[in-house]
């Protein structure tokens, strides 16, 4: 019986798939590093001036609608009827006063929608400029 020998194939390492994988991994790491750096603003060194002074914060007071439907002006529970008097008394002391309207986060026992529109309407009719207070859209309430 005749025995046929086959020649053993030469072992080769293919470099093209290896290069493709290396570039894929390199691309992934470069892209990951770009996403890790968060640039919100460009740092700018500020000049200091002899005439410069620190900014003073505007005086402010908050009108707060609580979960139970109570209305606070500053730290005082004034209710809907006493709200305008408390704000006008505060504005008489300081005419530059900024009024913020804040609604406590959460679900309470009282429907605060009509209460909010009533507060807004009363303050608007009295000619009081109102600023709303809230969270940035990306944050969740606790």
N, C-alpha and C. Protein backbone atom coordinates (compact mmCIF):
# COMPACT_ATOMS: atom_id res chain seq x y z
N UNK A 1 0.81 -1.14 0.00
CA UNK A 1 0.00 0.00 0.00
C UNK A 1 0.88 1.24 0.00
N UNK A 2 0.45 2.07 -0.80
CA UNK A 2 1.22 3.28 -1.02
C UNK A 2 0.74 4.38 -0.07
N UNK A 3 1.67 4.95 0.59
CA UNK A 3 1.31 5.98 1.55
C UNK A 3 1.61 7.34 0.92
N UNK A 4 0.58 8.16 0.92
CA UNK A 4 0.76 9.52 0.39
C UNK A 4 0.98 10.48 1.56
N UNK A 5 1.97 11.20 1.40
CA UNK A 5 2.21 12.21 2.44
C UNK A 5 1.73 13.55 1.95
N UNK A 6 1.09 14.18 2.85
CA UNK A 6 0.71 15.56 2.55
C UNK A 6 1.69 16.48 3.23
N UNK A 7 2.01 17.48 2.55
CA UNK A 7 2.92 18.46 3.14
C UNK A 7 2.16 19.28 4.18
N UNK A 8 2.81 19.48 5.30
CA UNK A 8 2.15 20.26 6.35
C UNK A 8 2.07 21.71 5.91
N UNK A 9 0.92 22.31 6.12
CA UNK A 9 0.81 23.72 5.69
C UNK A 9 1.69 24.63 6.55
N UNK A 10 2.20 25.62 5.93
CA UNK A 10 3.02 26.59 6.66
C UNK A 10 2.11 27.44 7.54
N UNK A 11 2.53 27.66 8.76
CA UNK A 11 1.76 28.50 9.68
C UNK A 11 2.05 29.95 9.35
N UNK A 12 0.96 30.72 9.27
CA UNK A 12 1.11 32.15 8.98
C UNK A 12 0.29 32.95 9.98
N UNK A 13 0.77 34.05 10.31
CA UNK A 13 0.00 34.97 11.15
C UNK A 13 -0.50 36.07 10.23
N UNK A 14 -1.82 36.18 10.19
CA UNK A 14 -2.43 37.21 9.36
C UNK A 14 -2.38 38.53 10.12
N UNK A 15 -1.79 39.52 9.54
CA UNK A 15 -1.62 40.80 10.21
C UNK A 15 -2.80 41.76 9.99
N UNK A 16 -3.52 41.63 8.92
CA UNK A 16 -4.61 42.57 8.64
C UNK A 16 -5.71 42.51 9.70
N UNK A 17 -6.22 41.34 10.12
CA UNK A 17 -7.22 41.34 11.18
C UNK A 17 -6.67 41.87 12.51
N UNK A 18 -5.40 41.60 12.77
CA UNK A 18 -4.78 42.10 13.99
C UNK A 18 -4.70 43.62 13.98
N UNK A 19 -4.35 44.19 12.85
CA UNK A 19 -4.29 45.65 12.72
C UNK A 19 -5.69 46.25 12.86
N UNK A 20 -6.69 45.61 12.28
CA UNK A 20 -8.07 46.10 12.41
C UNK A 20 -8.51 46.13 13.87
N UNK A 21 -8.21 45.10 14.61
CA UNK A 21 -8.60 45.04 16.02
C UNK A 21 -7.87 46.10 16.82
N UNK A 22 -6.59 46.30 16.56
CA UNK A 22 -5.82 47.31 17.27
C UNK A 22 -6.39 48.70 17.02
N UNK A 23 -6.74 49.01 15.76
CA UNK A 23 -7.32 50.31 15.47
C UNK A 23 -8.71 50.47 16.08
N UNK A 24 -9.47 49.41 16.15
CA UNK A 24 -10.79 49.47 16.79
C UNK A 24 -10.65 49.79 18.28
N UNK A 25 -9.72 49.13 18.94
CA UNK A 25 -9.49 49.39 20.37
C UNK A 25 -8.96 50.80 20.58
N UNK A 26 -8.06 51.24 19.72
CA UNK A 26 -7.52 52.59 19.82
C UNK A 26 -8.62 53.64 19.65
N UNK A 27 -9.49 53.42 18.67
CA UNK A 27 -10.61 54.34 18.44
C UNK A 27 -11.53 54.38 19.64
N UNK A 28 -11.82 53.24 20.24
CA UNK A 28 -12.68 53.19 21.41
C UNK A 28 -12.09 54.00 22.55
N UNK A 29 -10.80 53.83 22.83
CA UNK A 29 -10.18 54.55 23.95
C UNK A 29 -10.10 56.05 23.69
N UNK A 30 -9.83 56.44 22.46
CA UNK A 30 -9.79 57.87 22.14
C UNK A 30 -11.16 58.48 22.33
N UNK A 31 -12.20 57.82 21.85
CA UNK A 31 -13.56 58.32 21.99
C UNK A 31 -13.97 58.36 23.46
N UNK A 32 -13.59 57.36 24.24
CA UNK A 32 -13.91 57.35 25.67
C UNK A 32 -13.22 58.50 26.39
N UNK A 33 -12.00 58.81 26.03
CA UNK A 33 -11.30 59.93 26.68
C UNK A 33 -11.93 61.26 26.32
N UNK A 34 -12.40 61.40 25.09
CA UNK A 34 -13.06 62.64 24.69
C UNK A 34 -14.34 62.84 25.50
N UNK A 35 -15.08 61.77 25.74
CA UNK A 35 -16.32 61.89 26.50
C UNK A 35 -16.09 62.09 27.99
N UNK A 36 -14.92 61.72 28.49
CA UNK A 36 -14.65 61.88 29.92
C UNK A 36 -14.37 63.34 30.28
N UNK A 37 -13.89 64.12 29.37
CA UNK A 37 -13.60 65.53 29.63
C UNK A 37 -14.88 66.32 29.40
N UNK A 38 -15.36 66.96 30.45
CA UNK A 38 -16.59 67.73 30.34
C UNK A 38 -16.22 69.21 30.35
N UNK A 39 -16.51 69.88 29.27
CA UNK A 39 -16.18 71.29 29.14
C UNK A 39 -17.48 72.07 29.16
N UNK A 40 -17.72 72.76 30.27
CA UNK A 40 -18.91 73.59 30.37
C UNK A 40 -18.60 75.02 29.96
N UNK A 41 -17.44 75.48 30.33
CA UNK A 41 -17.05 76.82 29.93
C UNK A 41 -15.54 76.90 29.85
N UNK A 42 -15.09 77.85 29.13
CA UNK A 42 -13.67 78.04 28.96
C UNK A 42 -13.15 78.86 30.15
N UNK A 43 -12.11 78.39 30.83
CA UNK A 43 -11.59 79.19 31.94
C UNK A 43 -10.91 80.46 31.42
N UNK A 44 -11.32 81.58 31.97
CA UNK A 44 -10.78 82.87 31.54
C UNK A 44 -10.22 83.57 32.76
N UNK A 45 -8.95 83.92 32.74
CA UNK A 45 -8.42 84.68 33.88
C UNK A 45 -8.98 86.10 33.85
N UNK A 46 -9.51 86.54 34.97
CA UNK A 46 -10.11 87.87 35.05
C UNK A 46 -9.08 88.87 35.54
N UNK A 47 -9.16 90.04 34.98
CA UNK A 47 -8.28 91.13 35.40
C UNK A 47 -8.81 91.70 36.71
N UNK A 48 -7.90 92.21 37.52
CA UNK A 48 -8.33 92.90 38.73
C UNK A 48 -8.12 94.39 38.52
N UNK A 49 -9.11 95.17 38.94
CA UNK A 49 -9.08 96.60 38.75
C UNK A 49 -9.15 97.30 40.09
N UNK A 50 -8.54 98.46 40.16
CA UNK A 50 -8.54 99.22 41.41
C UNK A 50 -9.94 99.72 41.74
N UNK A 51 -10.76 99.97 40.74
CA UNK A 51 -12.11 100.50 40.99
C UNK A 51 -13.13 99.39 41.18
N UNK A 52 -12.69 98.13 41.13
CA UNK A 52 -13.63 97.02 41.24
C UNK A 52 -14.13 96.83 42.66
N UNK A 53 -15.35 96.33 42.77
CA UNK A 53 -15.92 96.02 44.08
C UNK A 53 -16.75 94.76 43.97
N UNK A 54 -16.95 94.10 45.06
CA UNK A 54 -17.71 92.84 45.06
C UNK A 54 -19.18 93.12 44.77
N UNK A 55 -19.82 92.23 44.01
CA UNK A 55 -21.24 92.45 43.73
C UNK A 55 -22.07 92.16 44.98
N UNK A 56 -23.06 92.97 45.17
CA UNK A 56 -23.98 92.78 46.29
C UNK A 56 -25.19 92.01 45.78
N UNK A 57 -25.61 90.97 46.50
CA UNK A 57 -26.80 90.24 46.05
C UNK A 57 -28.05 91.10 46.22
N UNK A 58 -28.99 90.91 45.30
CA UNK A 58 -30.25 91.63 45.39
C UNK A 58 -31.04 91.14 46.60
N UNK A 59 -31.65 92.05 47.34
CA UNK A 59 -32.50 91.60 48.45
C UNK A 59 -33.72 90.87 47.88
N UNK A 60 -34.08 89.78 48.51
CA UNK A 60 -35.16 88.95 47.97
C UNK A 60 -36.02 88.41 49.10
N UNK A 61 -37.26 88.06 48.73
CA UNK A 61 -38.18 87.39 49.63
C UNK A 61 -38.94 86.36 48.81
N UNK A 62 -39.27 85.25 49.44
CA UNK A 62 -39.94 84.15 48.72
C UNK A 62 -41.38 84.01 49.18
N UNK A 63 -42.25 83.78 48.20
CA UNK A 63 -43.63 83.39 48.47
C UNK A 63 -43.67 81.89 48.20
N UNK A 64 -43.93 81.09 49.25
CA UNK A 64 -43.84 79.64 49.14
C UNK A 64 -45.21 79.01 49.31
N UNK A 65 -45.58 78.13 48.37
CA UNK A 65 -46.81 77.35 48.49
C UNK A 65 -46.41 75.98 49.01
N UNK A 66 -46.86 75.66 50.23
CA UNK A 66 -46.49 74.40 50.87
C UNK A 66 -47.41 73.27 50.39
N UNK A 67 -47.06 72.04 50.74
CA UNK A 67 -47.83 70.87 50.32
C UNK A 67 -49.24 70.88 50.88
N UNK A 68 -49.41 71.43 52.09
CA UNK A 68 -50.74 71.45 52.70
C UNK A 68 -51.60 72.61 52.23
N UNK A 69 -51.09 73.46 51.33
CA UNK A 69 -51.85 74.57 50.79
C UNK A 69 -51.61 75.88 51.50
N UNK A 70 -50.77 75.89 52.53
CA UNK A 70 -50.49 77.14 53.23
C UNK A 70 -49.51 77.98 52.41
N UNK A 71 -49.60 79.30 52.60
CA UNK A 71 -48.77 80.24 51.85
C UNK A 71 -47.89 80.99 52.84
N UNK A 72 -46.60 80.96 52.57
CA UNK A 72 -45.63 81.66 53.42
C UNK A 72 -45.02 82.80 52.63
N UNK A 73 -44.88 83.94 53.27
CA UNK A 73 -44.11 85.05 52.73
C UNK A 73 -42.91 85.19 53.63
N UNK A 74 -41.75 84.82 53.10
CA UNK A 74 -40.56 84.73 53.95
C UNK A 74 -40.73 83.56 54.90
N UNK A 75 -40.69 83.82 56.20
CA UNK A 75 -40.89 82.78 57.22
C UNK A 75 -42.27 82.83 57.85
N UNK A 76 -43.11 83.77 57.43
CA UNK A 76 -44.43 83.99 58.05
C UNK A 76 -45.53 83.31 57.27
N UNK A 77 -46.38 82.57 57.96
CA UNK A 77 -47.55 81.95 57.35
C UNK A 77 -48.63 83.02 57.24
N UNK A 78 -48.83 83.56 56.03
CA UNK A 78 -49.74 84.68 55.85
C UNK A 78 -51.08 84.26 55.26
N UNK A 79 -51.13 83.16 54.58
CA UNK A 79 -52.36 82.77 53.88
C UNK A 79 -52.52 83.60 52.62
N UNK A 80 -53.56 83.31 51.89
CA UNK A 80 -53.80 84.00 50.62
C UNK A 80 -54.20 85.45 50.84
N UNK A 81 -54.98 85.72 51.88
CA UNK A 81 -55.48 87.08 52.10
C UNK A 81 -54.40 88.01 52.66
N UNK A 82 -53.48 87.52 53.46
CA UNK A 82 -52.46 88.37 54.05
C UNK A 82 -51.18 88.46 53.24
N UNK A 83 -51.15 87.77 52.11
CA UNK A 83 -49.93 87.71 51.30
C UNK A 83 -49.56 89.08 50.74
N UNK A 84 -50.50 89.78 50.13
CA UNK A 84 -50.19 91.07 49.51
C UNK A 84 -49.74 92.10 50.55
N UNK A 85 -50.40 92.10 51.72
CA UNK A 85 -50.01 93.06 52.76
C UNK A 85 -48.58 92.80 53.23
N UNK A 86 -48.20 91.53 53.40
CA UNK A 86 -46.85 91.20 53.85
C UNK A 86 -45.81 91.58 52.80
N UNK A 87 -46.13 91.36 51.52
CA UNK A 87 -45.20 91.72 50.45
C UNK A 87 -45.05 93.23 50.35
N UNK A 88 -46.16 93.95 50.43
CA UNK A 88 -46.09 95.41 50.33
C UNK A 88 -45.36 96.01 51.52
N UNK A 89 -45.51 95.40 52.71
CA UNK A 89 -44.77 95.89 53.88
C UNK A 89 -43.27 95.66 53.69
N UNK A 90 -42.91 94.52 53.12
CA UNK A 90 -41.49 94.24 52.86
C UNK A 90 -40.94 95.16 51.79
N UNK A 91 -41.76 95.46 50.77
CA UNK A 91 -41.31 96.36 49.71
C UNK A 91 -41.22 97.80 50.19
N UNK A 92 -42.02 98.16 51.20
CA UNK A 92 -41.93 99.52 51.75
C UNK A 92 -40.59 99.71 52.45
N UNK A 93 -40.10 98.64 53.10
CA UNK A 93 -38.79 98.72 53.76
C UNK A 93 -37.65 98.75 52.75
N UNK A 94 -37.81 97.98 51.66
CA UNK A 94 -36.76 97.90 50.65
C UNK A 94 -37.42 97.85 49.27
N UNK A 95 -37.43 98.97 48.53
CA UNK A 95 -38.10 98.99 47.23
C UNK A 95 -37.43 98.14 46.15
N UNK A 96 -36.17 97.74 46.34
CA UNK A 96 -35.44 96.93 45.36
C UNK A 96 -35.68 95.43 45.56
N UNK A 97 -36.62 95.07 46.39
CA UNK A 97 -36.86 93.67 46.77
C UNK A 97 -37.32 92.84 45.58
N UNK A 98 -36.72 91.66 45.41
CA UNK A 98 -37.10 90.73 44.34
C UNK A 98 -38.01 89.67 44.97
N UNK A 99 -39.14 89.39 44.29
CA UNK A 99 -40.12 88.43 44.81
C UNK A 99 -39.97 87.13 44.03
N UNK A 100 -39.73 86.02 44.77
CA UNK A 100 -39.63 84.69 44.18
C UNK A 100 -40.85 83.89 44.58
N UNK A 101 -41.41 83.15 43.63
CA UNK A 101 -42.55 82.27 43.89
C UNK A 101 -42.06 80.83 43.80
N UNK A 102 -42.18 80.10 44.91
CA UNK A 102 -41.69 78.73 44.97
C UNK A 102 -42.83 77.81 45.37
N UNK A 103 -42.90 76.65 44.73
CA UNK A 103 -43.89 75.63 45.05
C UNK A 103 -43.14 74.43 45.61
N UNK A 104 -43.52 74.00 46.81
CA UNK A 104 -42.84 72.88 47.44
C UNK A 104 -43.05 71.62 46.61
N UNK A 105 -41.98 70.86 46.40
CA UNK A 105 -42.04 69.65 45.57
C UNK A 105 -42.74 68.53 46.33
N UNK A 106 -43.48 67.73 45.61
CA UNK A 106 -44.16 66.58 46.20
C UNK A 106 -45.66 66.66 45.96
N UNK A 107 -46.34 65.62 46.44
CA UNK A 107 -47.80 65.56 46.30
C UNK A 107 -48.41 65.72 47.68
N UNK A 108 -49.25 66.72 47.82
CA UNK A 108 -49.87 67.00 49.10
C UNK A 108 -51.35 66.65 49.08
N UNK A 109 -52.01 66.99 50.17
CA UNK A 109 -53.43 66.68 50.30
C UNK A 109 -54.31 67.73 49.61
N UNK A 110 -53.73 68.86 49.24
CA UNK A 110 -54.48 69.95 48.64
C UNK A 110 -54.08 70.11 47.18
N UNK A 111 -55.08 70.38 46.31
CA UNK A 111 -54.79 70.68 44.91
C UNK A 111 -54.26 72.11 44.85
N UNK A 112 -52.98 72.24 44.55
CA UNK A 112 -52.34 73.55 44.58
C UNK A 112 -52.40 74.27 43.24
N UNK A 113 -52.97 73.66 42.22
CA UNK A 113 -53.07 74.31 40.91
C UNK A 113 -53.91 75.58 40.97
N UNK A 114 -55.16 75.50 41.48
CA UNK A 114 -55.95 76.73 41.59
C UNK A 114 -55.33 77.75 42.55
N UNK A 115 -54.68 77.26 43.59
CA UNK A 115 -54.03 78.16 44.54
C UNK A 115 -52.87 78.91 43.87
N UNK A 116 -52.09 78.20 43.06
CA UNK A 116 -50.98 78.82 42.34
C UNK A 116 -51.48 79.88 41.38
N UNK A 117 -52.52 79.58 40.62
CA UNK A 117 -53.04 80.56 39.67
C UNK A 117 -53.64 81.76 40.40
N UNK A 118 -54.24 81.53 41.57
CA UNK A 118 -54.79 82.64 42.35
C UNK A 118 -53.68 83.54 42.89
N UNK A 119 -52.62 82.93 43.40
CA UNK A 119 -51.48 83.72 43.89
C UNK A 119 -50.86 84.51 42.75
N UNK A 120 -50.64 83.85 41.62
CA UNK A 120 -50.06 84.52 40.46
C UNK A 120 -50.93 85.68 40.01
N UNK A 121 -52.23 85.48 39.95
CA UNK A 121 -53.15 86.52 39.51
C UNK A 121 -53.15 87.71 40.47
N UNK A 122 -53.19 87.46 41.77
CA UNK A 122 -53.19 88.55 42.75
C UNK A 122 -51.89 89.36 42.68
N UNK A 123 -50.77 88.68 42.57
CA UNK A 123 -49.49 89.39 42.49
C UNK A 123 -49.37 90.17 41.18
N UNK A 124 -49.86 89.60 40.10
CA UNK A 124 -49.80 90.26 38.80
C UNK A 124 -50.70 91.50 38.78
N UNK A 125 -51.91 91.38 39.34
CA UNK A 125 -52.82 92.53 39.38
C UNK A 125 -52.28 93.64 40.27
N UNK A 126 -51.51 93.29 41.30
CA UNK A 126 -50.92 94.30 42.18
C UNK A 126 -49.69 94.95 41.56
N UNK A 127 -49.26 94.47 40.38
CA UNK A 127 -48.13 95.05 39.69
C UNK A 127 -46.79 94.60 40.25
N UNK A 128 -46.77 93.45 40.90
CA UNK A 128 -45.55 92.92 41.50
C UNK A 128 -44.89 91.98 40.50
N UNK A 129 -43.61 92.24 40.23
CA UNK A 129 -42.84 91.39 39.32
C UNK A 129 -42.46 90.11 40.06
N UNK A 130 -42.75 88.96 39.45
CA UNK A 130 -42.57 87.66 40.11
C UNK A 130 -41.54 86.85 39.33
N UNK A 131 -40.68 86.16 40.07
CA UNK A 131 -39.73 85.22 39.46
C UNK A 131 -40.03 83.84 40.03
N UNK A 132 -40.07 82.84 39.15
CA UNK A 132 -40.34 81.47 39.58
C UNK A 132 -39.06 80.77 40.01
N UNK A 133 -39.17 79.90 41.00
CA UNK A 133 -38.04 79.13 41.49
C UNK A 133 -38.30 77.67 41.17
N UNK A 134 -37.30 76.97 40.65
CA UNK A 134 -37.44 75.54 40.35
C UNK A 134 -36.08 74.90 40.21
N UNK A 135 -36.11 73.60 39.92
CA UNK A 135 -34.88 72.85 39.72
C UNK A 135 -34.49 72.89 38.25
N UNK A 136 -33.21 72.76 37.95
CA UNK A 136 -32.83 72.58 36.56
C UNK A 136 -33.47 71.31 36.00
N UNK A 137 -33.72 71.28 34.72
CA UNK A 137 -34.49 70.19 34.13
C UNK A 137 -33.83 68.83 34.25
N UNK A 138 -32.54 68.74 34.45
CA UNK A 138 -31.86 67.45 34.54
C UNK A 138 -31.94 66.81 35.92
N UNK A 139 -32.30 67.53 36.95
CA UNK A 139 -32.28 66.99 38.31
C UNK A 139 -33.65 66.44 38.70
N UNK A 140 -33.64 65.47 39.57
CA UNK A 140 -34.86 64.88 40.10
C UNK A 140 -35.09 65.37 41.51
N UNK A 141 -36.34 65.53 41.89
CA UNK A 141 -36.62 65.97 43.26
C UNK A 141 -36.43 64.78 44.21
N UNK A 142 -36.00 65.05 45.46
CA UNK A 142 -35.74 63.95 46.40
C UNK A 142 -37.00 63.26 46.85
